[in-house]
Amino acid sequence: MKKGIHPENYRMVAFKDMSNEDVFLTKSTADSKETLEVEGVEYPLIKLEISRTSHPYYTGKVKLVDSAGRIDKFKNKYDKFKKKK
Protein backbone atom coordinates (compact mmCIF):
# COMPACT_ATOMS: atom_id res chain seq x y z
CA MET A 1 0.00 0.00 0.00
CA LYS A 2 1.09 3.53 -0.67
CA LYS A 3 1.86 5.55 2.41
CA GLY A 4 0.06 8.79 3.18
CA ILE A 5 -3.00 8.27 0.96
CA HIS A 6 -5.38 6.82 3.55
CA PRO A 7 -7.27 9.04 6.02
CA GLU A 8 -6.29 8.74 9.65
CA ASN A 9 -9.44 10.12 11.27
CA TYR A 10 -11.42 6.88 11.43
CA ARG A 11 -13.88 6.78 14.33
CA MET A 12 -17.05 4.94 15.28
CA VAL A 13 -20.10 6.44 13.54
CA ALA A 14 -23.81 5.60 13.90
CA PHE A 15 -25.64 5.04 10.61
CA LYS A 16 -29.43 5.25 10.81
CA ASP A 17 -31.75 3.87 8.13
CA MET A 18 -34.60 6.39 8.06
CA SER A 19 -37.03 3.98 6.37
CA ASN A 20 -37.03 1.47 9.23
CA GLU A 21 -35.19 3.29 12.06
CA ASP A 22 -32.43 0.62 12.18
CA VAL A 23 -29.11 1.86 13.62
CA PHE A 24 -25.73 0.25 13.16
CA LEU A 25 -22.22 1.30 14.19
CA THR A 26 -19.11 1.11 12.06
CA LYS A 27 -15.86 2.98 11.56
CA SER A 28 -15.99 5.87 9.11
CA THR A 29 -14.43 9.21 8.24
CA ALA A 30 -17.77 10.75 7.17
CA ASP A 31 -18.49 14.21 8.62
CA SER A 32 -21.68 14.85 10.55
CA LYS A 33 -23.18 17.71 12.53
CA GLU A 34 -25.74 15.47 14.25
CA THR A 35 -25.14 12.95 17.00
CA LEU A 36 -27.00 9.95 18.34
CA GLU A 37 -26.71 8.22 21.70
CA VAL A 38 -26.37 4.43 21.47
CA GLU A 39 -26.11 2.45 24.71
CA GLY A 40 -25.03 5.52 26.66
CA VAL A 41 -22.32 6.58 24.21
CA GLU A 42 -22.73 9.51 21.81
CA TYR A 43 -21.70 8.95 18.18
CA PRO A 44 -21.75 11.14 15.05
CA LEU A 45 -24.92 10.34 13.06
CA ILE A 46 -25.20 9.68 9.33
CA LYS A 47 -28.78 9.30 8.04
CA LEU A 48 -29.42 6.86 5.19
CA GLU A 49 -32.46 6.55 2.94
CA ILE A 50 -31.86 2.83 2.45
CA SER A 51 -29.47 0.26 3.91
CA ARG A 52 -28.90 -3.47 4.02
CA THR A 53 -31.82 -3.83 6.46
CA SER A 54 -34.37 -2.19 4.14
CA HIS A 55 -33.11 -2.82 0.59
CA PRO A 56 -35.28 -5.38 -1.29
CA TYR A 57 -32.20 -7.24 -2.56
CA TYR A 58 -31.08 -8.08 0.98
CA THR A 59 -34.50 -8.45 2.62
CA GLY A 60 -36.19 -10.44 -0.14
CA LYS A 61 -39.26 -8.20 0.14
CA VAL A 62 -40.36 -6.28 -2.91
CA LYS A 63 -41.72 -2.79 -2.39
CA LEU A 64 -44.21 -1.79 -5.07
CA VAL A 65 -43.74 1.67 -6.51
CA ASP A 66 -46.64 3.43 -8.19
CA SER A 67 -44.61 4.64 -11.15
CA ALA A 68 -47.63 5.05 -13.42
CA GLY A 69 -49.34 7.28 -10.88
CA ARG A 70 -46.22 9.40 -10.49
CA ILE A 71 -45.89 9.84 -14.25
CA ASP A 72 -49.54 10.91 -14.54
CA LYS A 73 -49.10 13.42 -11.71
CA PHE A 74 -46.02 14.86 -13.45
CA LYS A 75 -47.81 15.18 -16.78
CA ASN A 76 -50.84 16.84 -15.17
CA LYS A 77 -48.65 19.26 -13.25
CA TYR A 78 -46.73 20.44 -16.35
CA ASP A 79 -49.62 20.26 -18.84
CA LYS A 80 -50.25 23.97 -18.38
CA PHE A 81 -46.82 24.78 -19.88
CA LYS A 82 -47.56 23.03 -23.17
CA LYS A 83 -47.62 25.26 -26.22
CA LYS A 84 -51.04 25.39 -27.81
CA LYS A 85 -51.19 24.87 -31.55
PDB file of N, CA and C in Angstrom:
ATOM      1  N   MET A   1       0.833  -1.196   0.000  1.00  0.00           N
ATOM      2  CA  MET A   1       0.000   0.000   0.000  1.00  0.00           C
ATOM      3  C   MET A   1       0.875   1.256   0.000  1.00  0.00           C
ATOM      4  N   LYS A   2       0.383   2.260  -0.673  1.00  0.00           N
ATOM      5  CA  LYS A   2       1.086   3.533  -0.674  1.00  0.00           C
ATOM      6  C   LYS A   2       0.906   4.206   0.673  1.00  0.00           C
ATOM      7  N   LYS A   3       1.931   4.857   1.129  1.00  0.00           N
ATOM      8  CA  LYS A   3       1.863   5.551   2.409  1.00  0.00           C
ATOM      9  C   LYS A   3       1.320   6.956   2.207  1.00  0.00           C
ATOM     10  N   GLY A   4       0.557   7.426   3.185  1.00  0.00           N
ATOM     11  CA  GLY A   4       0.064   8.794   3.178  1.00  0.00           C
ATOM     12  C   GLY A   4      -1.178   9.044   2.344  1.00  0.00           C
ATOM     13  N   ILE A   5      -1.805   8.013   1.775  1.00  0.00           N
ATOM     14  CA  ILE A   5      -3.000   8.268   0.958  1.00  0.00           C
ATOM     15  C   ILE A   5      -4.291   7.907   1.688  1.00  0.00           C
ATOM     16  N   HIS A   6      -4.195   7.229   2.817  1.00  0.00           N
ATOM     17  CA  HIS A   6      -5.383   6.816   3.552  1.00  0.00           C
ATOM     18  C   HIS A   6      -5.665   7.774   4.705  1.00  0.00           C
ATOM     19  N   PRO A   7      -6.936   8.136   4.916  1.00  0.00           N
ATOM     20  CA  PRO A   7      -7.266   9.044   6.021  1.00  0.00           C
ATOM     21  C   PRO A   7      -6.962   8.401   7.365  1.00  0.00           C
ATOM     22  N   GLU A   8      -6.643   9.247   8.330  1.00  0.00           N
ATOM     23  CA  GLU A   8      -6.291   8.737   9.649  1.00  0.00           C
ATOM     24  C   GLU A   8      -7.335   9.068  10.701  1.00  0.00           C
ATOM     25  N   ASN A   9      -8.430   9.707  10.298  1.00  0.00           N
ATOM     26  CA  ASN A   9      -9.438  10.125  11.268  1.00  0.00           C
ATOM     27  C   ASN A   9     -10.627   9.164  11.335  1.00  0.00           C
ATOM     28  N   TYR A  10     -10.347   7.868  11.267  1.00  0.00           N
ATOM     29  CA  TYR A  10     -11.419   6.879  11.429  1.00  0.00           C
ATOM     30  C   TYR A  10     -11.933   6.921  12.859  1.00  0.00           C
ATOM     31  N   ARG A  11     -13.259   6.834  13.005  1.00  0.00           N
ATOM     32  CA  ARG A  11     -13.876   6.784  14.332  1.00  0.00           C
ATOM     33  C   ARG A  11     -15.193   6.041  14.192  1.00  0.00           C
ATOM     34  N   MET A  12     -15.761   5.634  15.305  1.00  0.00           N
ATOM     35  CA  MET A  12     -17.050   4.943  15.276  1.00  0.00           C
ATOM     36  C   MET A  12     -18.139   5.953  14.934  1.00  0.00           C
ATOM     37  N   VAL A  13     -19.011   5.584  14.007  1.00  0.00           N
ATOM     38  CA  VAL A  13     -20.099   6.443  13.541  1.00  0.00           C
ATOM     39  C   VAL A  13     -21.382   5.621  13.544  1.00  0.00           C
ATOM     40  N   ALA A  14     -22.501   6.248  13.935  1.00  0.00           N
ATOM     41  CA  ALA A  14     -23.812   5.600  13.899  1.00  0.00           C
ATOM     42  C   ALA A  14     -24.471   5.914  12.560  1.00  0.00           C
ATOM     43  N   PHE A  15     -24.889   4.888  11.848  1.00  0.00           N
ATOM     44  CA  PHE A  15     -25.638   5.040  10.608  1.00  0.00           C
ATOM     45  C   PHE A  15     -27.075   4.639  10.895  1.00  0.00           C
ATOM     46  N   LYS A  16     -28.022   5.514  10.523  1.00  0.00           N
ATOM     47  CA  LYS A  16     -29.433   5.251  10.808  1.00  0.00           C
ATOM     48  C   LYS A  16     -30.214   5.188   9.504  1.00  0.00           C
ATOM     49  N   ASP A  17     -30.876   4.053   9.283  1.00  0.00           N
ATOM     50  CA  ASP A  17     -31.748   3.870   8.127  1.00  0.00           C
ATOM     51  C   ASP A  17     -33.072   4.547   8.451  1.00  0.00           C
ATOM     52  N   MET A  18     -33.412   5.607   7.745  1.00  0.00           N
ATOM     53  CA  MET A  18     -34.603   6.393   8.056  1.00  0.00           C
ATOM     54  C   MET A  18     -35.894   5.682   7.639  1.00  0.00           C
ATOM     55  N   SER A  19     -35.810   4.662   6.789  1.00  0.00           N
ATOM     56  CA  SER A  19     -37.029   3.978   6.367  1.00  0.00           C
ATOM     57  C   SER A  19     -37.519   2.971   7.401  1.00  0.00           C
ATOM     58  N   ASN A  20     -36.601   2.434   8.222  1.00  0.00           N
ATOM     59  CA  ASN A  20     -37.034   1.467   9.234  1.00  0.00           C
ATOM     60  C   ASN A  20     -36.426   1.719  10.614  1.00  0.00           C
ATOM     61  N   GLU A  21     -35.753   2.851  10.774  1.00  0.00           N
ATOM     62  CA  GLU A  21     -35.188   3.285  12.064  1.00  0.00           C
ATOM     63  C   GLU A  21     -34.087   2.364  12.591  1.00  0.00           C
ATOM     64  N   ASP A  22     -33.510   1.503  11.750  1.00  0.00           N
ATOM     65  CA  ASP A  22     -32.431   0.621  12.182  1.00  0.00           C
ATOM     66  C   ASP A  22     -31.144   1.429  12.323  1.00  0.00           C
ATOM     67  N   VAL A  23     -30.369   1.163  13.372  1.00  0.00           N
ATOM     68  CA  VAL A  23     -29.109   1.864  13.620  1.00  0.00           C
ATOM     69  C   VAL A  23     -27.996   0.828  13.703  1.00  0.00           C
ATOM     70  N   PHE A  24     -26.889   1.112  13.024  1.00  0.00           N
ATOM     71  CA  PHE A  24     -25.725   0.252  13.160  1.00  0.00           C
ATOM     72  C   PHE A  24     -24.472   1.107  13.264  1.00  0.00           C
ATOM     73  N   LEU A  25     -23.478   0.584  13.948  1.00  0.00           N
ATOM     74  CA  LEU A  25     -22.225   1.297  14.190  1.00  0.00           C
ATOM     75  C   LEU A  25     -21.118   0.693  13.346  1.00  0.00           C
ATOM     76  N   THR A  26     -20.282   1.553  12.796  1.00  0.00           N
ATOM     77  CA  THR A  26     -19.109   1.108  12.063  1.00  0.00           C
ATOM     78  C   THR A  26     -18.104   2.246  12.030  1.00  0.00           C
ATOM     79  N   LYS A  27     -16.881   1.943  11.663  1.00  0.00           N
ATOM     80  CA  LYS A  27     -15.862   2.982  11.558  1.00  0.00           C
ATOM     81  C   LYS A  27     -16.038   3.728  10.245  1.00  0.00           C
ATOM     82  N   SER A  28     -15.834   5.044  10.300  1.00  0.00           N
ATOM     83  CA  SER A  28     -15.989   5.870   9.114  1.00  0.00           C
ATOM     84  C   SER A  28     -15.243   7.185   9.301  1.00  0.00           C
ATOM     85  N   THR A  29     -15.013   7.875   8.189  1.00  0.00           N
ATOM     86  CA  THR A  29     -14.425   9.211   8.236  1.00  0.00           C
ATOM     87  C   THR A  29     -15.465  10.262   7.839  1.00  0.00           C
ATOM     88  N   ALA A  30     -16.705   9.845   7.615  1.00  0.00           N
ATOM     89  CA  ALA A  30     -17.769  10.752   7.174  1.00  0.00           C
ATOM     90  C   ALA A  30     -18.029  11.838   8.212  1.00  0.00           C
ATOM     91  N   ASP A  31     -18.207  13.071   7.736  1.00  0.00           N
ATOM     92  CA  ASP A  31     -18.491  14.207   8.624  1.00  0.00           C
ATOM     93  C   ASP A  31     -19.976  14.265   8.940  1.00  0.00           C
ATOM     94  N   SER A  32     -20.285  14.714  10.143  1.00  0.00           N
ATOM     95  CA  SER A  32     -21.680  14.849  10.546  1.00  0.00           C
ATOM     96  C   SER A  32     -21.803  15.934  11.602  1.00  0.00           C
ATOM     97  N   LYS A  33     -22.903  16.680  11.521  1.00  0.00           N
ATOM     98  CA  LYS A  33     -23.182  17.706  12.530  1.00  0.00           C
ATOM     99  C   LYS A  33     -24.129  17.183  13.595  1.00  0.00           C
ATOM    100  N   GLU A  34     -24.786  16.052  13.309  1.00  0.00           N
ATOM    101  CA  GLU A  34     -25.737  15.472  14.251  1.00  0.00           C
ATOM    102  C   GLU A  34     -25.085  14.335  15.016  1.00  0.00           C
ATOM    103  N   THR A  35     -25.631  14.067  16.203  1.00  0.00           N
ATOM    104  CA  THR A  35     -25.143  12.952  17.003  1.00  0.00           C
ATOM    105  C   THR A  35     -26.319  12.093  17.451  1.00  0.00           C
ATOM    106  N   LEU A  36     -26.003  10.874  17.863  1.00  0.00           N
ATOM    107  CA  LEU A  36     -26.999   9.946  18.345  1.00  0.00           C
ATOM    108  C   LEU A  36     -26.399   9.155  19.500  1.00  0.00           C
ATOM    109  N   GLU A  37     -27.181   8.991  20.560  1.00  0.00           N
ATOM    110  CA  GLU A  37     -26.710   8.217  21.703  1.00  0.00           C
ATOM    111  C   GLU A  37     -27.128   6.763  21.539  1.00  0.00           C
ATOM    112  N   VAL A  38     -26.142   5.872  21.587  1.00  0.00           N
ATOM    113  CA  VAL A  38     -26.373   4.433  21.473  1.00  0.00           C
ATOM    114  C   VAL A  38     -25.741   3.770  22.683  1.00  0.00           C
ATOM    115  N   GLU A  39     -26.561   3.136  23.504  1.00  0.00           N
ATOM    116  CA  GLU A  39     -26.114   2.446  24.712  1.00  0.00           C
ATOM    117  C   GLU A  39     -25.260   3.346  25.602  1.00  0.00           C
ATOM    118  N   GLY A  40     -25.695   4.582  25.757  1.00  0.00           N
ATOM    119  CA  GLY A  40     -25.034   5.519  26.657  1.00  0.00           C
ATOM    120  C   GLY A  40     -23.824   6.230  26.084  1.00  0.00           C
ATOM    121  N   VAL A  41     -23.463   5.939  24.845  1.00  0.00           N
ATOM    122  CA  VAL A  41     -22.319   6.581  24.207  1.00  0.00           C
ATOM    123  C   VAL A  41     -22.823   7.408  23.033  1.00  0.00           C
ATOM    124  N   GLU A  42     -22.304   8.632  22.884  1.00  0.00           N
ATOM    125  CA  GLU A  42     -22.731   9.514  21.807  1.00  0.00           C
ATOM    126  C   GLU A  42     -21.812   9.349  20.599  1.00  0.00           C
ATOM    127  N   TYR A  43     -22.434   9.155  19.419  1.00  0.00           N
ATOM    128  CA  TYR A  43     -21.696   8.954  18.177  1.00  0.00           C
ATOM    129  C   TYR A  43     -22.167   9.968  17.144  1.00  0.00           C
ATOM    130  N   PRO A  44     -21.283  10.340  16.185  1.00  0.00           N
ATOM    131  CA  PRO A  44     -21.745  11.143  15.049  1.00  0.00           C
ATOM    132  C   PRO A  44     -22.795  10.333  14.286  1.00  0.00           C
ATOM    133  N   LEU A  45     -23.801  11.004  13.732  1.00  0.00           N
ATOM    134  CA  LEU A  45     -24.918  10.338  13.063  1.00  0.00           C
ATOM    135  C   LEU A  45     -24.919  10.633  11.573  1.00  0.00           C
ATOM    136  N   ILE A  46     -25.019   9.566  10.777  1.00  0.00           N
ATOM    137  CA  ILE A  46     -25.199   9.677   9.331  1.00  0.00           C
ATOM    138  C   ILE A  46     -26.547   9.036   9.012  1.00  0.00           C
ATOM    139  N   LYS A  47     -27.450   9.808   8.381  1.00  0.00           N
ATOM    140  CA  LYS A  47     -28.776   9.301   8.037  1.00  0.00           C
ATOM    141  C   LYS A  47     -28.749   8.716   6.624  1.00  0.00           C
ATOM    142  N   LEU A  48     -29.357   7.545   6.479  1.00  0.00           N
ATOM    143  CA  LEU A  48     -29.422   6.855   5.191  1.00  0.00           C
ATOM    144  C   LEU A  48     -30.875   6.702   4.758  1.00  0.00           C
ATOM    145  N   GLU A  49     -31.117   6.789   3.463  1.00  0.00           N
ATOM    146  CA  GLU A  49     -32.460   6.546   2.935  1.00  0.00           C
ATOM    147  C   GLU A  49     -32.739   5.050   2.881  1.00  0.00           C
ATOM    148  N   ILE A  50     -31.702   4.269   2.598  1.00  0.00           N
ATOM    149  CA  ILE A  50     -31.862   2.827   2.455  1.00  0.00           C
ATOM    150  C   ILE A  50     -30.553   2.157   2.874  1.00  0.00           C
ATOM    151  N   SER A  51     -30.664   1.000   3.479  1.00  0.00           N
ATOM    152  CA  SER A  51     -29.474   0.259   3.907  1.00  0.00           C
ATOM    153  C   SER A  51     -29.705  -1.221   3.697  1.00  0.00           C
ATOM    154  N   ARG A  52     -28.790  -2.025   4.182  1.00  0.00           N
ATOM    155  CA  ARG A  52     -28.898  -3.474   4.018  1.00  0.00           C
ATOM    156  C   ARG A  52     -30.124  -4.032   4.735  1.00  0.00           C
ATOM    157  N   THR A  53     -30.658  -3.323   5.721  1.00  0.00           N
ATOM    158  CA  THR A  53     -31.818  -3.829   6.462  1.00  0.00           C
ATOM    159  C   THR A  53     -33.146  -3.449   5.819  1.00  0.00           C
ATOM    160  N   SER A  54     -33.113  -2.577   4.788  1.00  0.00           N
ATOM    161  CA  SER A  54     -34.367  -2.193   4.144  1.00  0.00           C
ATOM    162  C   SER A  54     -34.353  -2.379   2.627  1.00  0.00           C
ATOM    163  N   HIS A  55     -33.200  -2.659   2.037  1.00  0.00           N
ATOM    164  CA  HIS A  55     -33.114  -2.820   0.587  1.00  0.00           C
ATOM    165  C   HIS A  55     -33.741  -4.157   0.163  1.00  0.00           C
ATOM    166  N   PRO A  56     -34.598  -4.147  -0.857  1.00  0.00           N
ATOM    167  CA  PRO A  56     -35.281  -5.379  -1.286  1.00  0.00           C
ATOM    168  C   PRO A  56     -34.324  -6.516  -1.665  1.00  0.00           C
ATOM    169  N   TYR A  57     -33.153  -6.190  -2.176  1.00  0.00           N
ATOM    170  CA  TYR A  57     -32.205  -7.236  -2.565  1.00  0.00           C
ATOM    171  C   TYR A  57     -31.780  -8.055  -1.346  1.00  0.00           C
ATOM    172  N   TYR A  58     -31.547  -7.387  -0.228  1.00  0.00           N
ATOM    173  CA  TYR A  58     -31.081  -8.078   0.980  1.00  0.00           C
ATOM    174  C   TYR A  58     -32.223  -8.643   1.814  1.00  0.00           C
ATOM    175  N   THR A  59     -33.382  -7.998   1.786  1.00  0.00           N
ATOM    176  CA  THR A  59     -34.497  -8.448   2.621  1.00  0.00           C
ATOM    177  C   THR A  59     -35.370  -9.485   1.931  1.00  0.00           C
ATOM    178  N   GLY A  60     -35.342  -9.508   0.598  1.00  0.00           N
ATOM    179  CA  GLY A  60     -36.186 -10.436  -0.142  1.00  0.00           C
ATOM    180  C   GLY A  60     -37.618  -9.954  -0.273  1.00  0.00           C
ATOM    181  N   LYS A  61     -37.912  -8.762   0.231  1.00  0.00           N
ATOM    182  CA  LYS A  61     -39.258  -8.195   0.143  1.00  0.00           C
ATOM    183  C   LYS A  61     -39.272  -7.143  -0.953  1.00  0.00           C
ATOM    184  N   VAL A  62     -40.243  -7.229  -1.819  1.00  0.00           N
ATOM    185  CA  VAL A  62     -40.362  -6.276  -2.911  1.00  0.00           C
ATOM    186  C   VAL A  62     -41.313  -5.171  -2.492  1.00  0.00           C
ATOM    187  N   LYS A  63     -40.894  -3.943  -2.712  1.00  0.00           N
ATOM    188  CA  LYS A  63     -41.725  -2.792  -2.394  1.00  0.00           C
ATOM    189  C   LYS A  63     -42.280  -2.256  -3.708  1.00  0.00           C
ATOM    190  N   LEU A  64     -43.591  -2.256  -3.839  1.00  0.00           N
ATOM    191  CA  LEU A  64     -44.211  -1.788  -5.069  1.00  0.00           C
ATOM    192  C   LEU A  64     -44.182  -0.271  -5.127  1.00  0.00           C
ATOM    193  N   VAL A  65     -43.793   0.232  -6.288  1.00  0.00           N
ATOM    194  CA  VAL A  65     -43.743   1.669  -6.506  1.00  0.00           C
ATOM    195  C   VAL A  65     -44.777   2.018  -7.563  1.00  0.00           C
ATOM    196  N   ASP A  66     -45.591   3.007  -7.270  1.00  0.00           N
ATOM    197  CA  ASP A  66     -46.645   3.427  -8.189  1.00  0.00           C
ATOM    198  C   ASP A  66     -46.037   4.362  -9.227  1.00  0.00           C
ATOM    199  N   SER A  67     -45.271   3.805 -10.162  1.00  0.00           N
ATOM    200  CA  SER A  67     -44.605   4.641 -11.149  1.00  0.00           C
ATOM    201  C   SER A  67     -45.602   5.248 -12.130  1.00  0.00           C
ATOM    202  N   ALA A  68     -46.636   4.514 -12.484  1.00  0.00           N
ATOM    203  CA  ALA A  68     -47.633   5.048 -13.421  1.00  0.00           C
ATOM    204  C   ALA A  68     -48.339   6.249 -12.811  1.00  0.00           C
ATOM    205  N   GLY A  69     -48.689   6.166 -11.557  1.00  0.00           N
ATOM    206  CA  GLY A  69     -49.341   7.283 -10.882  1.00  0.00           C
ATOM    207  C   GLY A  69     -48.444   8.503 -10.803  1.00  0.00           C
ATOM    208  N   ARG A  70     -47.169   8.282 -10.576  1.00  0.00           N
ATOM    209  CA  ARG A  70     -46.222   9.397 -10.490  1.00  0.00           C
ATOM    210  C   ARG A  70     -46.054  10.072 -11.845  1.00  0.00           C
ATOM    211  N   ILE A  71     -46.033   9.276 -12.903  1.00  0.00           N
ATOM    212  CA  ILE A  71     -45.888   9.841 -14.247  1.00  0.00           C
ATOM    213  C   ILE A  71     -47.115  10.674 -14.592  1.00  0.00           C
ATOM    214  N   ASP A  72     -48.317  10.162 -14.281  1.00  0.00           N
ATOM    215  CA  ASP A  72     -49.543  10.913 -14.543  1.00  0.00           C
ATOM    216  C   ASP A  72     -49.564  12.224 -13.764  1.00  0.00           C
ATOM    217  N   LYS A  73     -49.139  12.192 -12.524  1.00  0.00           N
ATOM    218  CA  LYS A  73     -49.096  13.416 -11.714  1.00  0.00           C
ATOM    219  C   LYS A  73     -48.157  14.435 -12.343  1.00  0.00           C
ATOM    220  N   PHE A  74     -46.996  13.972 -12.812  1.00  0.00           N
ATOM    221  CA  PHE A  74     -46.021  14.858 -13.446  1.00  0.00           C
ATOM    222  C   PHE A  74     -46.609  15.487 -14.703  1.00  0.00           C
ATOM    223  N   LYS A  75     -47.230  14.663 -15.546  1.00  0.00           N
ATOM    224  CA  LYS A  75     -47.814  15.182 -16.785  1.00  0.00           C
ATOM    225  C   LYS A  75     -48.908  16.201 -16.499  1.00  0.00           C
ATOM    226  N   ASN A  76     -49.764  15.904 -15.519  1.00  0.00           N
ATOM    227  CA  ASN A  76     -50.836  16.840 -15.175  1.00  0.00           C
ATOM    228  C   ASN A  76     -50.285  18.146 -14.632  1.00  0.00           C
ATOM    229  N   LYS A  77     -49.238  18.065 -13.860  1.00  0.00           N
ATOM    230  CA  LYS A  77     -48.652  19.264 -13.251  1.00  0.00           C
ATOM    231  C   LYS A  77     -48.072  20.199 -14.315  1.00  0.00           C
ATOM    232  N   TYR A  78     -47.410  19.624 -15.345  1.00  0.00           N
ATOM    233  CA  TYR A  78     -46.730  20.436 -16.347  1.00  0.00           C
ATOM    234  C   TYR A  78     -47.506  20.572 -17.650  1.00  0.00           C
ATOM    235  N   ASP A  79     -48.754  20.109 -17.678  1.00  0.00           N
ATOM    236  CA  ASP A  79     -49.617  20.260 -18.841  1.00  0.00           C
ATOM    237  C   ASP A  79     -49.856  21.728 -19.177  1.00  0.00           C
ATOM    238  N   LYS A  80     -49.930  22.558 -18.168  1.00  0.00           N
ATOM    239  CA  LYS A  80     -50.247  23.969 -18.384  1.00  0.00           C
ATOM    240  C   LYS A  80     -49.136  24.715 -19.132  1.00  0.00           C
ATOM    241  N   PHE A  81     -47.931  24.118 -19.194  1.00  0.00           N
ATOM    242  CA  PHE A  81     -46.822  24.782 -19.883  1.00  0.00           C
ATOM    243  C   PHE A  81     -46.707  24.368 -21.353  1.00  0.00           C
ATOM    244  N   LYS A  82     -47.580  23.464 -21.783  1.00  0.00           N
ATOM    245  CA  LYS A  82     -47.561  23.030 -23.174  1.00  0.00           C
ATOM    246  C   LYS A  82     -47.934  24.183 -24.093  1.00  0.00           C
ATOM    247  N   LYS A  83     -47.273  24.219 -25.236  1.00  0.00           N
ATOM    248  CA  LYS A  83     -47.621  25.256 -26.217  1.00  0.00           C
ATOM    249  C   LYS A  83     -48.872  24.793 -26.957  1.00  0.00           C
ATOM    250  N   LYS A  84     -49.799  25.684 -27.091  1.00  0.00           N
ATOM    251  CA  LYS A  84     -51.040  25.392 -27.808  1.00  0.00           C
ATOM    252  C   LYS A  84     -50.834  25.657 -29.278  1.00  0.00           C
ATOM    253  N   LYS A  85     -51.358  24.740 -30.088  1.00  0.00           N
ATOM    254  CA  LYS A  85     -51.188  24.875 -31.555  1.00  0.00           C
ATOM    255  C   LYS A  85     -52.358  25.578 -32.176  1.00  0.00           C
TER     256      LYS A  85
END
